[in-house]
Amino acid sequence: MVEQKVPKKLPIGIQTFENIIQDNYLYVDKTKYLVELIDDGKVYFLSRPRRFGKSLTLSTFDALFSGKEELFRGLDAEEFFGRAEYRVSPVVRLDLSQVGASGGIDALEDGLKLQVMRNAERHSVAISALAMKHAQTAFDELLYRVFKALGPAVVLIDEYDKPVLDVMHDPAKAEDVRVVMRDFYTQIKAQDASLRFVFMTGITKFSKMGVFSAMNSLEDISMEERYGTMLGYTGGELENYFAPYIDEMAESCGYGREELLAEIRDYYDGFSFDGETMLYNPFSTLNLFRKKKFLNFWFETGTPSYIAQYMKDRKLTVDEFRGVGVSRDFAASPGAIENADAKSFLYQSGYLTLRPGVINDYSLDYPNHEVLASMSRLLTENILGSREEAESAAQRVKQCLYEGSVDGFVGMLNRLLAAIPYDDYERAARKTIEYRGYRMDAGEWLYRSTLLSYLIGMGLDVEAEPHTSGGRADMRIKFKGRVWIIELKVARGEAGAKKSADEAMEQISSKGYAERYEGAILLSCAIDDERRAITEYRTNAGKPFAVDCCGKA
């Protein structure tokens, strides 16, 4: 590839392949995968997390089958048009992200029928009034009419699972929606002879939708190593395609190039669908280079309500899923989402990803800092009761950190501790401790992990157990010119709390936890297990410490 001298525009929010190419936006060439899929099979399913390029992939398939050869000049798929057997095919494209189920079955049916009508207009075919009474019969007639008029069709379905995810928190509604969607999707199998190629995307895998049970020829490539990098950006693609943006950001923010790349890797890299190759989420990457700030773009633009509700209903914490071992069989086929346990659900939804295993074939973890911070934020919202409460708490904590107000900071930590429904979360705590072999009780783990999630979810630069020559403190926080070194102890009763607070401060001092940070604020806290609050703490006087740029406190 010829190195770009002038950066192309960043296609933020643009999911149409034709617009990206014609308007000279940056495009990371993934077209070789599309040609391989067409060559090797007919009916495919691919799951990927939201904002990962699924819609752009379908748009590229659309252009490829529609004969828009001029868009592919210089791309890997250009040779596809020169084949003797190449032919243009009619494309039926359904965008289920525009079809909602929250308004009931009638609204769902109307949304599906609208998708059918738009495709009928695209290909100038008529759907009878009788067929239009139900979405499934309308879809069936669409496929038949397109085949009769134009030949075997290509069917592209985006976010096939969105209608069910809309109502997943309500089992009765979800079952009604599944029935409608199952009947709708089974028309694909019924019209198999009328179809040339089928490609479906989604976030999760629902076996009861009819797609996987009725379409026995459907090939799920979601976890196939061969297609592991089909969506998302590899490290090599980042450095190649985004080279001008990397250099520009490094210069404007005062980073060395390698230093900046290391920061970007930590914050945004880490999605893996084969346990080896790491990928960047395209949406976050594009926004990073546009805004030149390290922010949680993936979360701030709207976390799906079904994830927030799922975590809340099951009283899920954040740390309980880190480092959980899984087998190669689990990675390849984690099961139907409606019957899945929490780790399988979060894995299929993209909130957990694969890492090399120690005892097991693989382990699960959050892909990167951005996703960890997002999930931590959800936990805080669930405990405090709302996003507004969480945002208010975050503002107050940051104010305390900025001012160096130890009393105010401890008060905010106690506000969280007082809000934790311990009985609800104790099961997760016991399970995690047993799995990891920790030598602590459930309460102690819950205090530590929840406080850590609380701070990470605020977007703070928090490091758990930072390594020093003398050992590891519980956490280190950097914020706006200040460094905080914090040690936590759990005690029982007033006397025990005083002793623990003293011992924790002695540990910070004797082990040199703050030796690298001149003027750091040292804070030792004793959490009284009976009162479930920090009842004793010790501190020193803190002084300012240098602050990083580009949004990194």
Protein backbone atom coordinates (compact mmCIF):
# COMPACT_ATOMS: atom_id res chain seq x y z
CA MET A 1 0.00 0.00 0.00
CA VAL A 2 1.22 3.51 -0.85
CA GLU A 3 1.80 5.56 2.28
CA GLN A 4 -0.66 8.41 2.66
CA LYS A 5 0.88 11.87 2.73
CA VAL A 6 -2.36 13.73 3.36
CA PRO A 7 -4.66 12.09 5.91
CA LYS A 8 -8.00 11.01 4.59
CA LYS A 9 -11.12 12.09 6.45
CA LEU A 10 -12.19 9.91 9.37
CA PRO A 11 -15.52 8.13 8.68
CA ILE A 12 -17.06 8.60 12.11
CA GLY A 13 -20.68 7.47 12.05
CA ILE A 14 -20.55 6.64 8.34
CA GLN A 15 -21.58 3.04 7.72
CA THR A 16 -22.13 3.16 3.96
CA PHE A 17 -19.23 1.78 1.93
CA GLU A 18 -20.15 3.80 -1.16
CA ASN A 19 -20.09 7.09 0.78
CA ILE A 20 -16.74 6.28 2.38
CA ILE A 21 -15.06 5.57 -0.95
CA GLN A 22 -16.71 8.30 -3.04
CA ASP A 23 -16.17 11.02 -0.43
CA ASN A 24 -12.53 10.02 0.16
CA TYR A 25 -12.85 8.83 3.73
CA LEU A 26 -10.30 6.46 5.21
CA TYR A 27 -11.17 2.81 4.57
CA VAL A 28 -9.30 -0.11 6.09
CA ASP A 29 -9.44 -2.77 3.38
CA LYS A 30 -11.24 -5.90 4.57
CA THR A 31 -12.65 -6.91 1.20
CA LYS A 32 -10.51 -10.04 0.83
CA TYR A 33 -12.58 -11.71 3.57
CA LEU A 34 -15.81 -10.98 1.73
CA VAL A 35 -14.56 -12.61 -1.46
CA GLU A 36 -13.36 -15.67 0.49
CA LEU A 37 -16.80 -16.08 2.05
CA ILE A 38 -18.54 -15.84 -1.30
CA ASP A 39 -16.14 -18.39 -2.77
CA ASP A 40 -16.46 -20.88 0.07
CA GLY A 41 -20.13 -20.97 1.07
CA LYS A 42 -23.60 -19.54 0.92
CA VAL A 43 -25.24 -18.91 4.33
CA TYR A 44 -23.28 -17.25 7.16
CA PHE A 45 -23.75 -15.74 10.59
CA LEU A 46 -21.29 -13.40 12.31
CA SER A 47 -21.64 -11.96 15.80
CA ARG A 48 -19.59 -8.98 16.94
CA PRO A 49 -20.02 -6.31 19.62
CA ARG A 50 -21.88 -3.14 18.81
CA ARG A 51 -20.04 -0.41 16.88
CA PHE A 52 -17.61 -2.92 15.46
CA GLY A 53 -18.24 -2.45 11.74
CA LYS A 54 -21.04 -4.94 11.08
CA SER A 55 -23.18 -2.47 9.15
CA LEU A 56 -20.23 -1.33 7.03
CA THR A 57 -19.48 -4.96 6.20
CA LEU A 58 -23.01 -5.52 4.93
CA SER A 59 -22.87 -2.30 2.95
CA THR A 60 -19.64 -3.53 1.32
CA PHE A 61 -21.28 -6.85 0.45
CA ASP A 62 -24.15 -4.86 -1.06
CA ALA A 63 -21.82 -2.87 -3.31
CA LEU A 64 -19.90 -6.01 -4.27
CA PHE A 65 -22.98 -7.93 -5.42
CA SER A 66 -24.58 -4.84 -6.99
CA GLY A 67 -21.74 -4.47 -9.48
CA LYS A 68 -20.26 -1.19 -8.21
CA GLU A 69 -16.82 -2.06 -9.52
CA GLU A 70 -15.53 1.51 -9.46
CA LEU A 71 -15.71 1.55 -5.66
CA PHE A 72 -13.26 -1.34 -5.33
CA ARG A 73 -10.38 -0.03 -7.42
CA GLY A 74 -7.15 -0.56 -5.53
CA LEU A 75 -8.82 -2.85 -2.99
CA ASP A 76 -8.32 -6.60 -2.59
CA ALA A 77 -11.75 -7.38 -4.01
CA GLU A 78 -11.08 -5.59 -7.31
CA GLU A 79 -10.15 -8.90 -8.97
CA PHE A 80 -13.58 -10.33 -8.15
CA PHE A 81 -15.20 -8.28 -10.90
CA GLY A 82 -12.81 -9.64 -13.54
CA ARG A 83 -13.85 -13.25 -13.07
CA ALA A 84 -15.65 -14.94 -15.93
CA GLU A 85 -18.36 -16.20 -13.58
CA TYR A 86 -19.00 -12.80 -11.93
CA ARG A 87 -22.59 -11.59 -12.16
CA VAL A 88 -24.63 -8.86 -10.55
CA SER A 89 -27.28 -10.08 -8.08
CA PRO A 90 -30.29 -8.34 -6.54
CA VAL A 91 -29.68 -7.51 -2.87
CA VAL A 92 -32.35 -7.69 -0.18
CA ARG A 93 -31.02 -5.82 2.81
CA LEU A 94 -32.80 -5.71 6.16
CA ASP A 95 -31.63 -3.40 8.93
CA LEU A 96 -33.21 -4.75 12.11
CA SER A 97 -31.61 -1.99 14.19
CA GLN A 98 -34.53 0.10 12.91
CA VAL A 99 -37.14 -2.43 14.07
CA GLY A 100 -38.25 -2.20 17.67
CA ALA A 101 -40.28 -4.55 19.85
CA SER A 102 -40.81 -2.35 22.90
CA GLY A 103 -44.10 -1.10 21.43
CA GLY A 104 -45.56 -4.58 21.19
CA ILE A 105 -46.07 -7.24 18.53
CA ASP A 106 -48.09 -4.98 16.21
CA ALA A 107 -45.26 -2.44 16.18
CA LEU A 108 -42.76 -5.22 15.53
CA GLU A 109 -44.83 -6.54 12.61
CA ASP A 110 -45.16 -3.04 11.17
CA GLY A 111 -41.41 -2.50 11.40
CA LEU A 112 -40.64 -5.75 9.62
CA LYS A 113 -43.19 -5.06 6.89
CA LEU A 114 -41.68 -1.62 6.34
CA GLN A 115 -38.29 -3.25 5.76
CA VAL A 116 -39.91 -5.60 3.24
CA MET A 117 -41.64 -2.73 1.40
CA ARG A 118 -38.44 -0.72 1.10
CA ASN A 119 -36.73 -3.67 -0.56
CA ALA A 120 -39.70 -4.24 -2.83
CA GLU A 121 -39.47 -0.61 -3.98
CA ARG A 122 -35.73 -0.96 -4.50
CA HIS A 123 -36.27 -3.80 -6.96
CA SER A 124 -39.58 -2.59 -8.40
CA VAL A 125 -41.56 -5.67 -7.39
CA ALA A 126 -45.08 -5.71 -5.95
CA ILE A 127 -46.14 -7.41 -2.72
CA SER A 128 -49.81 -8.39 -2.60
CA ALA A 129 -52.14 -6.97 0.03
CA LEU A 130 -52.83 -10.51 1.26
CA ALA A 131 -49.14 -11.20 1.80
CA MET A 132 -48.69 -7.87 3.59
CA LYS A 133 -51.06 -8.91 6.38
CA HIS A 134 -48.18 -10.64 8.14
CA ALA A 135 -44.47 -9.90 8.13
CA GLN A 136 -43.45 -13.50 7.45
CA THR A 137 -45.66 -13.86 4.36
CA ALA A 138 -44.55 -10.44 3.11
CA PHE A 139 -40.90 -11.49 3.40
CA ASP A 140 -41.59 -14.81 1.70
CA GLU A 141 -43.29 -13.09 -1.24
CA LEU A 142 -40.50 -10.50 -1.48
CA LEU A 143 -37.88 -13.20 -1.93
CA TYR A 144 -40.04 -15.05 -4.46
CA ARG A 145 -40.87 -11.92 -6.50
CA VAL A 146 -37.25 -10.74 -6.59
CA PHE A 147 -36.10 -14.18 -7.76
CA LYS A 148 -38.72 -14.29 -10.52
CA ALA A 149 -37.91 -10.80 -11.75
CA LEU A 150 -34.14 -10.58 -11.30
CA GLY A 151 -32.73 -13.99 -10.38
CA PRO A 152 -31.30 -15.46 -7.17
CA ALA A 153 -31.12 -12.84 -4.44
CA VAL A 154 -28.51 -11.94 -1.86
CA VAL A 155 -30.00 -11.49 1.63
CA LEU A 156 -28.13 -9.29 4.11
CA ILE A 157 -29.58 -8.94 7.61
CA ASP A 158 -28.06 -6.53 10.12
CA GLU A 159 -28.59 -6.93 13.89
CA TYR A 160 -30.99 -9.83 13.56
CA ASP A 161 -31.29 -10.09 17.37
CA LYS A 162 -32.14 -6.47 18.15
CA PRO A 163 -35.95 -6.93 18.51
CA VAL A 164 -35.49 -9.65 21.14
CA LEU A 165 -32.78 -7.72 22.97
CA ASP A 166 -35.24 -4.82 23.26
CA VAL A 167 -37.48 -6.90 25.55
CA MET A 168 -35.05 -9.44 26.96
CA HIS A 169 -35.74 -8.23 30.51
CA ASP A 170 -39.37 -9.35 30.12
CA PRO A 171 -39.43 -13.14 29.45
CA ALA A 172 -43.07 -13.22 28.35
CA LYS A 173 -42.61 -10.41 25.82
CA ALA A 174 -39.32 -11.88 24.68
CA GLU A 175 -40.99 -15.20 23.92
CA ASP A 176 -43.72 -13.49 21.87
CA VAL A 177 -41.10 -11.60 19.90
CA ARG A 178 -39.08 -14.77 19.34
CA VAL A 179 -42.11 -16.45 17.79
CA VAL A 180 -42.60 -13.62 15.30
CA MET A 181 -38.89 -13.46 14.44
CA ARG A 182 -38.60 -17.24 14.13
CA ASP A 183 -41.46 -17.35 11.63
CA PHE A 184 -39.94 -14.42 9.77
CA TYR A 185 -36.43 -15.91 9.48
CA THR A 186 -37.59 -19.39 8.50
CA GLN A 187 -38.70 -17.90 5.17
CA ILE A 188 -35.01 -17.80 4.25
CA LYS A 189 -34.83 -21.57 4.37
CA ALA A 190 -38.17 -21.90 2.59
CA GLN A 191 -36.80 -19.79 -0.29
CA ASP A 192 -33.37 -21.41 -0.35
CA ALA A 193 -33.60 -22.17 -4.10
CA SER A 194 -34.28 -18.47 -4.74
CA LEU A 195 -31.15 -17.26 -2.94
CA ARG A 196 -27.53 -16.87 -3.98
CA PHE A 197 -25.96 -15.76 -0.69
CA VAL A 198 -27.05 -14.97 2.88
CA PHE A 199 -25.10 -13.05 5.51
CA MET A 200 -26.51 -12.21 8.93
CA THR A 201 -24.99 -10.23 11.78
CA GLY A 202 -25.90 -9.76 15.40
CA ILE A 203 -24.51 -9.18 18.84
CA THR A 204 -25.58 -12.52 20.31
CA LYS A 205 -26.75 -15.98 19.32
CA PHE A 206 -30.38 -16.93 20.02
CA SER A 207 -31.09 -20.57 19.19
CA LYS A 208 -34.87 -20.16 19.54
CA MET A 209 -35.05 -17.54 16.79
CA GLY A 210 -35.37 -20.25 14.16
CA VAL A 211 -32.23 -19.09 12.38
CA PHE A 212 -29.97 -21.75 13.82
CA SER A 213 -32.50 -24.54 14.21
CA ALA A 214 -34.28 -24.22 10.86
CA MET A 215 -31.32 -23.16 8.72
CA ASN A 216 -29.09 -26.18 9.18
CA SER A 217 -26.79 -24.97 6.41
CA LEU A 218 -25.99 -21.73 8.22
CA GLU A 219 -22.29 -21.44 9.09
CA ASP A 220 -21.43 -19.51 12.24
CA ILE A 221 -18.03 -17.89 11.62
CA SER A 222 -18.08 -15.73 14.75
CA MET A 223 -15.21 -17.52 16.48
CA GLU A 224 -13.37 -18.94 13.46
CA GLU A 225 -9.70 -18.04 13.51
CA ARG A 226 -9.73 -17.51 9.75
CA TYR A 227 -12.13 -14.59 10.14
CA GLY A 228 -10.91 -13.33 13.50
CA THR A 229 -9.67 -10.03 12.04
CA MET A 230 -12.46 -9.51 9.50
CA LEU A 231 -13.89 -6.66 11.61
CA GLY A 232 -11.93 -4.29 13.83
CA TYR A 233 -8.40 -2.98 13.36
CA THR A 234 -5.24 -4.98 14.05
CA GLY A 235 -2.17 -3.27 15.47
CA GLY A 236 -0.53 -3.39 12.06
CA GLU A 237 -3.56 -1.82 10.39
CA LEU A 238 -3.64 0.92 13.01
CA GLU A 239 -0.01 1.87 12.45
CA ASN A 240 -0.32 1.65 8.66
CA TYR A 241 -3.63 3.31 7.85
CA PHE A 242 -3.59 5.82 10.71
CA ALA A 243 0.09 6.77 10.56
CA PRO A 244 -0.55 10.48 9.84
CA TYR A 245 -3.05 10.68 12.70
CA ILE A 246 -0.68 8.96 15.12
CA ASP A 247 2.09 11.41 14.28
CA GLU A 248 -0.26 14.38 14.51
CA MET A 249 -1.61 13.34 17.92
CA ALA A 250 1.86 12.54 19.27
CA GLU A 251 3.09 16.00 18.28
CA SER A 252 0.07 17.92 19.56
CA CYS A 253 -0.05 16.06 22.89
CA GLY A 254 3.68 15.94 23.57
CA TYR A 255 4.05 12.17 23.33
CA GLY A 256 6.78 10.20 21.66
CA ARG A 257 5.31 8.02 18.93
CA GLU A 258 5.95 4.71 20.72
CA GLU A 259 4.74 6.17 24.01
CA LEU A 260 1.46 7.21 22.40
CA LEU A 261 1.00 3.80 20.75
CA ALA A 262 1.49 2.13 24.14
CA GLU A 263 -1.22 4.36 25.66
CA ILE A 264 -3.59 3.62 22.77
CA ARG A 265 -3.01 -0.13 23.13
CA ASP A 266 -3.78 -0.03 26.84
CA TYR A 267 -6.92 2.03 26.42
CA TYR A 268 -8.50 0.65 23.25
CA ASP A 269 -6.78 -2.54 22.02
CA GLY A 270 -7.64 -6.01 23.25
CA PHE A 271 -10.75 -7.45 21.59
CA SER A 272 -9.97 -11.00 20.50
CA PHE A 273 -12.08 -13.58 18.73
CA ASP A 274 -9.41 -16.27 18.42
CA GLY A 275 -7.55 -15.89 21.74
CA GLU A 276 -4.44 -14.54 20.03
CA THR A 277 -4.94 -11.58 17.69
CA MET A 278 -5.88 -8.33 19.43
CA LEU A 279 -8.18 -5.79 17.78
CA TYR A 280 -9.25 -2.19 18.20
CA ASN A 281 -12.91 -1.20 18.15
CA PRO A 282 -13.26 0.99 15.02
CA PHE A 283 -15.66 3.50 16.58
CA SER A 284 -13.40 4.23 19.54
CA THR A 285 -10.29 4.40 17.36
CA LEU A 286 -11.80 6.90 14.94
CA ASN A 287 -13.06 9.10 17.77
CA LEU A 288 -9.70 9.00 19.51
CA PHE A 289 -7.94 10.48 16.49
CA ARG A 290 -10.72 12.99 15.90
CA LYS A 291 -10.81 14.34 19.46
CA LYS A 292 -7.21 13.53 20.48
CA LYS A 293 -8.40 12.58 23.95
CA PHE A 294 -8.59 9.26 25.79
CA LEU A 295 -12.29 8.95 26.52
CA ASN A 296 -14.80 6.11 26.82
CA PHE A 297 -16.43 6.69 23.44
CA TRP A 298 -17.91 3.20 23.32
CA PHE A 299 -19.81 3.80 26.57
CA GLU A 300 -20.63 7.48 26.43
CA THR A 301 -22.49 7.17 23.11
CA GLY A 302 -25.09 4.94 24.72
CA THR A 303 -24.68 1.59 26.42
CA PRO A 304 -27.47 -0.81 25.41
CA SER A 305 -30.18 -0.94 28.06
CA TYR A 306 -30.26 -4.73 27.98
CA ILE A 307 -26.70 -4.92 29.37
CA ALA A 308 -27.43 -2.50 32.19
CA GLN A 309 -30.62 -4.37 33.06
CA TYR A 310 -28.88 -7.74 32.80
CA MET A 311 -26.19 -6.70 35.29
CA LYS A 312 -28.75 -5.18 37.62
CA ASP A 313 -31.13 -8.16 37.62
CA ARG A 314 -28.34 -10.64 38.35
CA LYS A 315 -26.43 -8.43 40.81
CA LEU A 316 -23.24 -8.82 38.80
CA THR A 317 -20.00 -7.26 39.94
CA VAL A 318 -17.03 -6.45 37.70
CA ASP A 319 -14.11 -8.40 39.15
CA GLU A 320 -15.93 -11.73 39.28
CA PHE A 321 -15.37 -12.23 35.53
CA ARG A 322 -11.69 -11.38 35.31
CA GLY A 323 -9.38 -14.30 34.62
CA VAL A 324 -12.13 -16.93 34.51
CA GLY A 325 -10.77 -20.00 32.71
CA VAL A 326 -12.71 -21.43 29.76
CA SER A 327 -12.14 -24.28 27.34
CA ARG A 328 -11.50 -24.18 23.61
CA ASP A 329 -14.98 -25.68 23.12
CA PHE A 330 -16.53 -22.80 25.07
CA ALA A 331 -14.65 -20.25 22.97
CA ALA A 332 -15.84 -21.84 19.73
CA SER A 333 -19.44 -22.46 20.82
CA PRO A 334 -20.47 -20.73 24.06
CA GLY A 335 -24.09 -21.84 23.69
CA ALA A 336 -27.42 -20.19 23.05
CA ILE A 337 -27.65 -16.81 24.72
CA GLU A 338 -31.07 -17.39 26.28
CA ASN A 339 -29.70 -20.34 28.27
CA ALA A 340 -26.23 -18.94 28.91
CA ASP A 341 -24.71 -18.13 32.26
CA ALA A 342 -23.42 -14.61 32.88
CA LYS A 343 -19.88 -15.16 31.60
CA SER A 344 -21.18 -16.64 28.36
CA PHE A 345 -23.66 -13.80 27.90
CA LEU A 346 -21.04 -11.10 28.45
CA TYR A 347 -18.57 -12.95 26.23
CA GLN A 348 -21.02 -13.23 23.35
CA SER A 349 -22.03 -9.60 23.79
CA GLY A 350 -18.40 -8.49 23.47
CA TYR A 351 -17.96 -7.19 27.00
CA LEU A 352 -15.55 -10.02 27.80
CA THR A 353 -12.95 -11.34 25.41
CA LEU A 354 -10.46 -14.19 25.13
CA ARG A 355 -6.98 -14.26 26.61
CA PRO A 356 -4.40 -17.07 26.67
CA GLY A 357 -5.14 -19.43 29.54
CA VAL A 358 -2.90 -20.64 32.33
CA ILE A 359 -4.60 -23.89 33.36
CA ASN A 360 -7.45 -23.76 30.85
CA ASP A 361 -7.15 -23.19 27.10
CA TYR A 362 -8.29 -19.60 27.48
CA SER A 363 -9.34 -17.13 30.12
CA LEU A 364 -11.85 -14.30 29.94
CA ASP A 365 -11.20 -10.65 30.70
CA TYR A 366 -12.35 -7.21 29.70
CA PRO A 367 -10.82 -6.23 26.35
CA ASN A 368 -9.25 -2.97 27.48
CA HIS A 369 -9.44 -0.04 29.85
CA GLU A 370 -12.37 1.50 28.00
CA VAL A 371 -14.62 -1.53 28.43
CA LEU A 372 -13.50 -2.12 32.03
CA ALA A 373 -14.33 1.49 32.87
CA SER A 374 -17.71 1.20 31.14
CA MET A 375 -18.70 -1.94 33.04
CA SER A 376 -17.47 -0.39 36.27
CA ARG A 377 -19.65 2.61 35.60
CA LEU A 378 -22.69 0.36 35.13
CA LEU A 379 -22.02 -1.33 38.46
CA THR A 380 -21.87 2.04 40.20
CA GLU A 381 -25.12 3.15 38.58
CA ASN A 382 -26.80 -0.07 39.72
CA ILE A 383 -25.64 0.39 43.30
CA LEU A 384 -26.36 4.12 43.59
CA GLY A 385 -29.66 3.76 41.78
CA SER A 386 -29.33 5.82 38.61
CA ARG A 387 -26.96 7.36 36.09
CA GLU A 388 -27.69 10.79 37.55
CA GLU A 389 -26.63 9.66 41.02
CA ALA A 390 -23.48 8.09 39.61
CA GLU A 391 -22.58 11.25 37.69
CA SER A 392 -23.20 13.40 40.75
CA ALA A 393 -20.97 11.14 42.84
CA ALA A 394 -18.26 11.19 40.19
CA GLN A 395 -18.27 14.99 40.11
CA ARG A 396 -17.98 15.19 43.89
CA VAL A 397 -15.16 12.59 44.05
CA LYS A 398 -13.18 14.41 41.37
CA GLN A 399 -13.64 17.68 43.23
CA CYS A 400 -12.27 16.07 46.40
CA LEU A 401 -9.31 14.59 44.56
CA TYR A 402 -8.56 17.91 42.88
CA GLU A 403 -8.70 19.83 46.15
CA GLY A 404 -6.85 17.17 48.09
CA SER A 405 -9.82 16.84 50.45
CA VAL A 406 -9.25 13.56 52.25
CA ASP A 407 -12.29 14.00 54.49
CA GLY A 408 -14.56 14.59 51.51
CA PHE A 409 -13.06 11.69 49.54
CA VAL A 410 -13.52 9.23 52.41
CA GLY A 411 -17.07 10.50 52.83
CA MET A 412 -17.82 9.66 49.20
CA LEU A 413 -16.35 6.17 49.59
CA ASN A 414 -18.60 5.65 52.59
CA ARG A 415 -21.58 6.81 50.55
CA LEU A 416 -20.95 3.93 48.15
CA LEU A 417 -20.32 1.40 50.92
CA ALA A 418 -23.61 2.35 52.55
CA ALA A 419 -25.48 1.78 49.28
CA ILE A 420 -24.16 -1.73 48.53
CA PRO A 421 -26.90 -4.37 48.96
CA TYR A 422 -24.53 -6.87 50.58
CA ASP A 423 -26.96 -9.74 50.74
CA ASP A 424 -27.61 -9.50 46.99
CA TYR A 425 -23.94 -9.38 46.03
CA GLU A 426 -22.54 -11.79 48.61
CA ARG A 427 -23.08 -14.84 46.38
CA ALA A 428 -20.85 -13.38 43.66
CA ALA A 429 -18.24 -12.51 46.28
CA ARG A 430 -18.14 -16.04 47.72
CA LYS A 431 -17.97 -17.60 44.26
CA THR A 432 -15.07 -15.39 43.18
CA ILE A 433 -13.07 -15.96 46.34
CA GLU A 434 -13.48 -19.72 46.05
CA TYR A 435 -12.53 -19.76 42.36
CA ARG A 436 -9.41 -17.65 42.83
CA GLY A 437 -8.30 -19.08 46.13
CA TYR A 438 -8.25 -15.72 47.91
CA ARG A 439 -7.61 -15.73 51.64
CA MET A 440 -10.28 -13.22 52.63
CA ASP A 441 -13.95 -13.24 53.47
CA ALA A 442 -16.71 -12.27 51.09
CA GLY A 443 -17.18 -8.85 52.66
CA GLU A 444 -13.55 -7.87 52.28
CA TRP A 445 -13.49 -8.85 48.60
CA LEU A 446 -16.72 -6.99 47.97
CA TYR A 447 -15.45 -3.81 49.65
CA ARG A 448 -12.21 -3.78 47.67
CA SER A 449 -13.59 -4.75 44.28
CA THR A 450 -16.58 -2.41 44.48
CA LEU A 451 -14.54 0.60 45.58
CA LEU A 452 -12.08 -0.08 42.78
CA SER A 453 -14.91 -0.33 40.24
CA TYR A 454 -16.43 2.86 41.66
CA LEU A 455 -13.24 4.82 40.95
CA ILE A 456 -12.44 3.22 37.60
CA GLY A 457 -16.00 3.84 36.42
CA MET A 458 -15.51 7.57 36.97
CA GLY A 459 -12.84 7.60 34.29
CA LEU A 460 -10.05 8.09 36.80
CA ASP A 461 -6.51 6.89 36.21
CA VAL A 462 -6.60 4.11 38.80
CA GLU A 463 -4.12 1.26 39.09
CA ALA A 464 -4.94 -1.69 41.33
CA GLU A 465 -2.00 -3.08 43.29
CA PRO A 466 0.70 -1.00 41.56
CA HIS A 467 4.10 -2.68 41.82
CA THR A 468 6.84 -1.05 43.90
CA SER A 469 10.17 -2.32 45.16
CA GLY A 470 8.60 -2.91 48.57
CA GLY A 471 5.40 -4.60 47.45
CA ARG A 472 1.98 -3.56 46.23
CA ALA A 473 -0.40 -0.95 47.60
CA ASP A 474 -4.12 -1.58 47.15
CA MET A 475 -4.50 1.23 44.64
CA ARG A 476 -2.93 4.35 43.16
CA ILE A 477 -4.92 7.25 41.73
CA LYS A 478 -3.61 10.06 39.53
CA PHE A 479 -5.82 13.07 39.05
CA LYS A 480 -5.10 16.63 37.96
CA GLY A 481 -1.67 17.02 39.50
CA ARG A 482 -2.13 14.77 42.50
CA VAL A 483 -1.21 11.18 43.24
CA TRP A 484 -3.04 9.23 45.92
CA ILE A 485 -1.68 6.00 47.41
CA ILE A 486 -4.43 4.07 49.19
CA GLU A 487 -4.27 1.02 51.46
CA LEU A 488 -7.42 -0.68 52.74
CA LYS A 489 -7.85 -2.93 55.77
CA VAL A 490 -10.96 -4.65 57.07
CA ALA A 491 -11.47 -4.75 60.83
CA ARG A 492 -14.18 -5.34 63.41
CA GLY A 493 -15.09 -2.82 66.08
CA GLU A 494 -13.62 0.54 67.07
CA ALA A 495 -10.39 -0.79 68.53
CA GLY A 496 -9.76 -3.04 65.58
CA ALA A 497 -10.37 -0.22 63.12
CA LYS A 498 -7.89 2.12 64.84
CA LYS A 499 -5.24 -0.56 64.90
CA SER A 500 -5.81 -1.48 61.25
CA ALA A 501 -5.65 2.15 60.08
CA ASP A 502 -2.34 2.59 61.90
CA GLU A 503 -0.94 -0.64 60.49
CA ALA A 504 -1.99 0.28 56.97
CA MET A 505 -0.25 3.66 57.15
CA GLU A 506 2.86 2.01 58.55
CA GLN A 507 2.77 -0.43 55.65
CA ILE A 508 2.58 2.40 53.09
CA SER A 509 5.56 4.13 54.68
CA SER A 510 7.79 1.15 55.45
CA LYS A 511 7.34 -0.50 52.09
CA GLY A 512 7.89 2.68 50.09
CA TYR A 513 4.65 2.58 48.15
CA ALA A 514 4.91 6.32 47.41
CA GLU A 515 8.65 6.57 46.81
CA ARG A 516 8.22 7.33 43.09
CA TYR A 517 5.67 10.10 43.69
CA GLU A 518 6.89 13.25 45.34
CA GLY A 519 4.16 14.95 47.31
CA ALA A 520 1.73 12.03 47.05
CA ILE A 521 -1.27 11.91 49.36
CA LEU A 522 -1.11 8.78 51.48
CA LEU A 523 -4.37 7.35 52.78
CA SER A 524 -4.89 4.29 54.94
CA CYS A 525 -8.48 3.24 55.56
CA ALA A 526 -9.97 0.77 58.00
CA ILE A 527 -13.39 -0.56 57.01
CA ASP A 528 -15.36 -1.71 60.04
CA ASP A 529 -17.05 -4.91 58.89
CA GLU A 530 -19.79 -4.52 61.48
CA ARG A 531 -20.74 -1.00 60.41
CA ARG A 532 -19.73 -1.51 56.75
CA ALA A 533 -18.05 1.86 56.62
CA ILE A 534 -14.61 3.45 56.85
CA THR A 535 -14.51 4.42 60.50
CA GLU A 536 -10.80 5.21 60.85
CA TYR A 537 -8.30 6.63 58.40
CA ARG A 538 -4.83 8.15 58.48
CA THR A 539 -3.30 10.56 55.98
CA ASN A 540 -0.51 13.06 55.37
CA ALA A 541 -0.23 16.40 53.55
CA GLY A 542 -0.15 16.09 49.77
CA LYS A 543 1.56 18.26 47.18
CA PRO A 544 0.90 18.67 43.44
CA PHE A 545 2.33 16.16 40.99
CA ALA A 546 2.79 16.60 37.24
CA VAL A 547 -0.28 15.94 35.12
CA ASP A 548 -0.42 14.26 31.70
CA CYS A 549 -2.09 15.91 28.71
CA CYS A 550 -4.70 14.81 26.19
CA GLY A 551 -7.35 13.93 28.72
CA LYS A 552 -5.16 11.62 30.82
CA ALA A 553 -5.28 12.81 34.44
